[in-house]
Amino acid sequence: MKITDSAREVLQQALQETGAHGLRVAIQETCCGKSPVIGLDVYTEDDQPETINDINIVIPEEARDVVDGLEIDLVNGELVVLNTVCGCGGHEGGCCGGHGESHHDHGEGCCGHGEGHHHHGEGCCHHE
């Protein structure tokens, strides 16, 4: 997993404004199988966050293979989660819906950060 410098600045501001300690990754079962959900979190004493580009993040062991290849970036002033490796089970024609085009999810889709299946693009994988 990677967090770009521009995303780090926005995340640090959000952490400061909300009082959160860092990010947490959870796994959600979706149309694509396992997809990461990333959100701000206040840690407990049992949490063992790691640091990626000065941002604390808790990644549970069962999420490690899912977050490989993810990049949190700032695109057009908006935080996005980019999936540089499609992990949707090799659907023909692309991921999650078979559109076979570049997909950009604005935070509520199955590879983004949110809990719904609402896409402002056409699928769940991000290739930019």
C-alpha atoms as a PDB file:
ATOM      1  CA  MET A   1       0.000   0.000   0.000  1.00  0.00           C
ATOM      2  CA  LYS A   2       1.166   3.480  -0.809  1.00  0.00           C
ATOM      3  CA  ILE A   3       0.033   6.931   0.326  1.00  0.00           C
ATOM      4  CA  THR A   4       1.166   9.759  -1.930  1.00  0.00           C
ATOM      5  CA  ASP A   5       2.563  12.999  -0.512  1.00  0.00           C
ATOM      6  CA  SER A   6      -0.461  15.015  -1.658  1.00  0.00           C
ATOM      7  CA  ALA A   7      -2.847  12.494  -0.065  1.00  0.00           C
ATOM      8  CA  ARG A   8      -0.766  12.537   3.126  1.00  0.00           C
ATOM      9  CA  GLU A   9      -1.300  16.284   3.521  1.00  0.00           C
ATOM     10  CA  VAL A  10      -5.090  15.967   3.197  1.00  0.00           C
ATOM     11  CA  LEU A  11      -5.168  12.939   5.507  1.00  0.00           C
ATOM     12  CA  GLN A  12      -3.084  14.694   8.163  1.00  0.00           C
ATOM     13  CA  GLN A  13      -5.491  17.633   8.093  1.00  0.00           C
ATOM     14  CA  ALA A  14      -8.509  15.297   8.386  1.00  0.00           C
ATOM     15  CA  LEU A  15      -6.889  13.439  11.273  1.00  0.00           C
ATOM     16  CA  GLN A  16      -6.193  16.691  13.087  1.00  0.00           C
ATOM     17  CA  GLU A  17      -9.729  18.012  12.518  1.00  0.00           C
ATOM     18  CA  THR A  18     -11.464  14.809  13.637  1.00  0.00           C
ATOM     19  CA  GLY A  19      -9.151  13.739  16.445  1.00  0.00           C
ATOM     20  CA  ALA A  20      -8.647  10.350  14.786  1.00  0.00           C
ATOM     21  CA  HIS A  21      -5.319   8.585  15.283  1.00  0.00           C
ATOM     22  CA  GLY A  22      -4.993   7.233  11.767  1.00  0.00           C
ATOM     23  CA  LEU A  23      -6.582   4.942   9.219  1.00  0.00           C
ATOM     24  CA  ARG A  24      -8.007   1.452   9.571  1.00  0.00           C
ATOM     25  CA  VAL A  25      -8.568  -1.094   6.823  1.00  0.00           C
ATOM     26  CA  ALA A  26     -11.502  -3.471   7.039  1.00  0.00           C
ATOM     27  CA  ILE A  27     -12.589  -6.112   4.553  1.00  0.00           C
ATOM     28  CA  GLN A  28     -16.022  -6.092   2.956  1.00  0.00           C
ATOM     29  CA  GLU A  29     -17.485  -8.884   0.848  1.00  0.00           C
ATOM     30  CA  THR A  30     -18.742  -7.412  -2.428  1.00  0.00           C
ATOM     31  CA  CYS A  31     -19.677  -8.462  -5.922  1.00  0.00           C
ATOM     32  CA  CYS A  32     -15.930  -8.738  -6.533  1.00  0.00           C
ATOM     33  CA  GLY A  33     -15.087 -10.846  -3.500  1.00  0.00           C
ATOM     34  CA  LYS A  34     -13.016  -9.187  -0.803  1.00  0.00           C
ATOM     35  CA  SER A  35     -12.636  -5.423  -1.038  1.00  0.00           C
ATOM     36  CA  PRO A  36     -10.928  -3.022   1.346  1.00  0.00           C
ATOM     37  CA  VAL A  37     -12.808  -0.325   3.226  1.00  0.00           C
ATOM     38  CA  ILE A  38     -10.525   2.411   4.542  1.00  0.00           C
ATOM     39  CA  GLY A  39     -11.575   4.955   7.129  1.00  0.00           C
ATOM     40  CA  LEU A  40     -10.381   7.274   9.879  1.00  0.00           C
ATOM     41  CA  ASP A  41     -10.211   5.649  13.287  1.00  0.00           C
ATOM     42  CA  VAL A  42      -9.372   6.215  16.936  1.00  0.00           C
ATOM     43  CA  TYR A  43      -7.148   3.360  18.038  1.00  0.00           C
ATOM     44  CA  THR A  44      -7.376   1.278  21.174  1.00  0.00           C
ATOM     45  CA  GLU A  45      -4.379   0.166  23.195  1.00  0.00           C
ATOM     46  CA  ASP A  46      -4.569  -3.235  21.464  1.00  0.00           C
ATOM     47  CA  ASP A  47      -4.099  -1.758  17.984  1.00  0.00           C
ATOM     48  CA  GLN A  48      -0.678  -1.989  16.387  1.00  0.00           C
ATOM     49  CA  PRO A  49      -0.614   0.537  13.554  1.00  0.00           C
ATOM     50  CA  GLU A  50       2.139   0.711  11.009  1.00  0.00           C
ATOM     51  CA  THR A  51       3.249   3.933   9.383  1.00  0.00           C
ATOM     52  CA  ILE A  52       3.022   4.600   5.656  1.00  0.00           C
ATOM     53  CA  ASN A  53       4.323   8.009   4.560  1.00  0.00           C
ATOM     54  CA  ASP A  54       3.820   9.441   8.073  1.00  0.00           C
ATOM     55  CA  ILE A  55       0.202   8.173   8.304  1.00  0.00           C
ATOM     56  CA  ASN A  56      -0.650   5.527  10.897  1.00  0.00           C
ATOM     57  CA  ILE A  57      -2.746   2.684   9.539  1.00  0.00           C
ATOM     58  CA  VAL A  58      -4.033  -0.563  11.016  1.00  0.00           C
ATOM     59  CA  ILE A  59      -4.095  -3.344   8.443  1.00  0.00           C
ATOM     60  CA  PRO A  60      -5.421  -6.650   9.769  1.00  0.00           C
ATOM     61  CA  GLU A  61      -3.583  -9.751   8.616  1.00  0.00           C
ATOM     62  CA  GLU A  62      -6.571 -10.954   6.573  1.00  0.00           C
ATOM     63  CA  ALA A  63      -6.495  -7.669   4.595  1.00  0.00           C
ATOM     64  CA  ARG A  64      -2.814  -7.682   3.661  1.00  0.00           C
ATOM     65  CA  ASP A  65      -3.223  -9.458   0.331  1.00  0.00           C
ATOM     66  CA  VAL A  66      -6.175  -7.212  -0.552  1.00  0.00           C
ATOM     67  CA  VAL A  67      -4.314  -3.939   0.087  1.00  0.00           C
ATOM     68  CA  ASP A  68      -1.220  -4.922  -1.888  1.00  0.00           C
ATOM     69  CA  GLY A  69      -1.179  -2.650  -4.897  1.00  0.00           C
ATOM     70  CA  LEU A  70      -3.470  -0.005  -3.408  1.00  0.00           C
ATOM     71  CA  GLU A  71      -2.495   3.633  -3.519  1.00  0.00           C
ATOM     72  CA  ILE A  72      -4.252   6.493  -1.751  1.00  0.00           C
ATOM     73  CA  ASP A  73      -3.845   9.619  -3.852  1.00  0.00           C
ATOM     74  CA  LEU A  74      -5.313  13.067  -4.379  1.00  0.00           C
ATOM     75  CA  VAL A  75      -6.978  13.406  -7.796  1.00  0.00           C
ATOM     76  CA  ASN A  76      -8.714  16.649  -8.739  1.00  0.00           C
ATOM     77  CA  GLY A  77      -8.735  17.689  -5.073  1.00  0.00           C
ATOM     78  CA  GLU A  78     -10.394  14.462  -3.955  1.00  0.00           C
ATOM     79  CA  LEU A  79      -8.929  11.518  -2.022  1.00  0.00           C
ATOM     80  CA  VAL A  80      -9.175   8.339  -4.060  1.00  0.00           C
ATOM     81  CA  VAL A  81      -8.048   4.757  -3.604  1.00  0.00           C
ATOM     82  CA  LEU A  82      -6.339   3.445  -6.710  1.00  0.00           C
ATOM     83  CA  ASN A  83      -6.029  -0.277  -7.265  1.00  0.00           C
ATOM     84  CA  THR A  84      -2.940  -0.865  -9.374  1.00  0.00           C
ATOM     85  CA  VAL A  85      -3.608  -4.620  -9.416  1.00  0.00           C
ATOM     86  CA  CYS A  86      -7.113  -5.821 -10.208  1.00  0.00           C
ATOM     87  CA  GLY A  87      -8.174  -8.176  -7.436  1.00  0.00           C
ATOM     88  CA  CYS A  88     -11.672  -8.936  -8.680  1.00  0.00           C
ATOM     89  CA  GLY A  89     -11.168 -12.545  -9.646  1.00  0.00           C
ATOM     90  CA  GLY A  90     -10.337 -12.088 -13.299  1.00  0.00           C
ATOM     91  CA  HIS A  91     -13.770 -11.183 -14.641  1.00  0.00           C
ATOM     92  CA  GLU A  92     -13.608 -11.146 -18.405  1.00  0.00           C
ATOM     93  CA  GLY A  93     -13.512  -7.648 -19.830  1.00  0.00           C
ATOM     94  CA  GLY A  94     -12.534  -5.991 -16.575  1.00  0.00           C
ATOM     95  CA  CYS A  95     -13.482  -5.953 -12.950  1.00  0.00           C
ATOM     96  CA  CYS A  96     -16.889  -6.032 -11.384  1.00  0.00           C
ATOM     97  CA  GLY A  97     -19.243  -5.519 -14.248  1.00  0.00           C
ATOM     98  CA  GLY A  98     -17.055  -6.366 -17.209  1.00  0.00           C
ATOM     99  CA  HIS A  99     -16.741  -2.881 -18.671  1.00  0.00           C
ATOM    100  CA  GLY A 100     -13.057  -3.301 -19.489  1.00  0.00           C
ATOM    101  CA  GLU A 101     -12.314   0.413 -19.254  1.00  0.00           C
ATOM    102  CA  SER A 102     -10.489   2.546 -16.740  1.00  0.00           C
ATOM    103  CA  HIS A 103     -12.522   2.852 -13.586  1.00  0.00           C
ATOM    104  CA  HIS A 104     -12.524   5.577 -11.018  1.00  0.00           C
ATOM    105  CA  ASP A 105     -14.575   5.214  -7.891  1.00  0.00           C
ATOM    106  CA  HIS A 106     -15.442   8.239  -5.799  1.00  0.00           C
ATOM    107  CA  GLY A 107     -15.342   6.703  -2.363  1.00  0.00           C
ATOM    108  CA  GLU A 108     -18.341   4.442  -1.956  1.00  0.00           C
ATOM    109  CA  GLY A 109     -17.584   1.508  -4.187  1.00  0.00           C
ATOM    110  CA  CYS A 110     -16.168  -1.883  -3.634  1.00  0.00           C
ATOM    111  CA  CYS A 111     -12.494  -0.933  -3.918  1.00  0.00           C
ATOM    112  CA  GLY A 112     -12.839   2.487  -2.362  1.00  0.00           C
ATOM    113  CA  HIS A 113     -13.605   3.661   1.086  1.00  0.00           C
ATOM    114  CA  GLY A 114     -17.243   3.392   2.035  1.00  0.00           C
ATOM    115  CA  GLU A 115     -19.800   0.733   2.616  1.00  0.00           C
ATOM    116  CA  GLY A 116     -22.199   0.992  -0.324  1.00  0.00           C
ATOM    117  CA  HIS A 117     -22.057  -0.182  -3.896  1.00  0.00           C
ATOM    118  CA  HIS A 118     -22.677   3.260  -5.383  1.00  0.00           C
ATOM    119  CA  HIS A 119     -20.227   4.009  -8.190  1.00  0.00           C
ATOM    120  CA  HIS A 120     -19.604   7.262  -9.974  1.00  0.00           C
ATOM    121  CA  GLY A 121     -17.706   5.191 -12.510  1.00  0.00           C
ATOM    122  CA  GLU A 122     -18.408   1.807 -13.965  1.00  0.00           C
ATOM    123  CA  GLY A 123     -16.644  -0.706 -11.748  1.00  0.00           C
ATOM    124  CA  CYS A 124     -14.612  -1.341  -8.690  1.00  0.00           C
ATOM    125  CA  CYS A 125     -11.018  -1.233  -9.843  1.00  0.00           C
ATOM    126  CA  HIS A 126      -9.013   1.881 -10.346  1.00  0.00           C
ATOM    127  CA  HIS A 127      -6.456   2.000 -13.107  1.00  0.00           C
ATOM    128  CA  GLU A 128      -5.094   5.450 -13.809  1.00  0.00           C
END
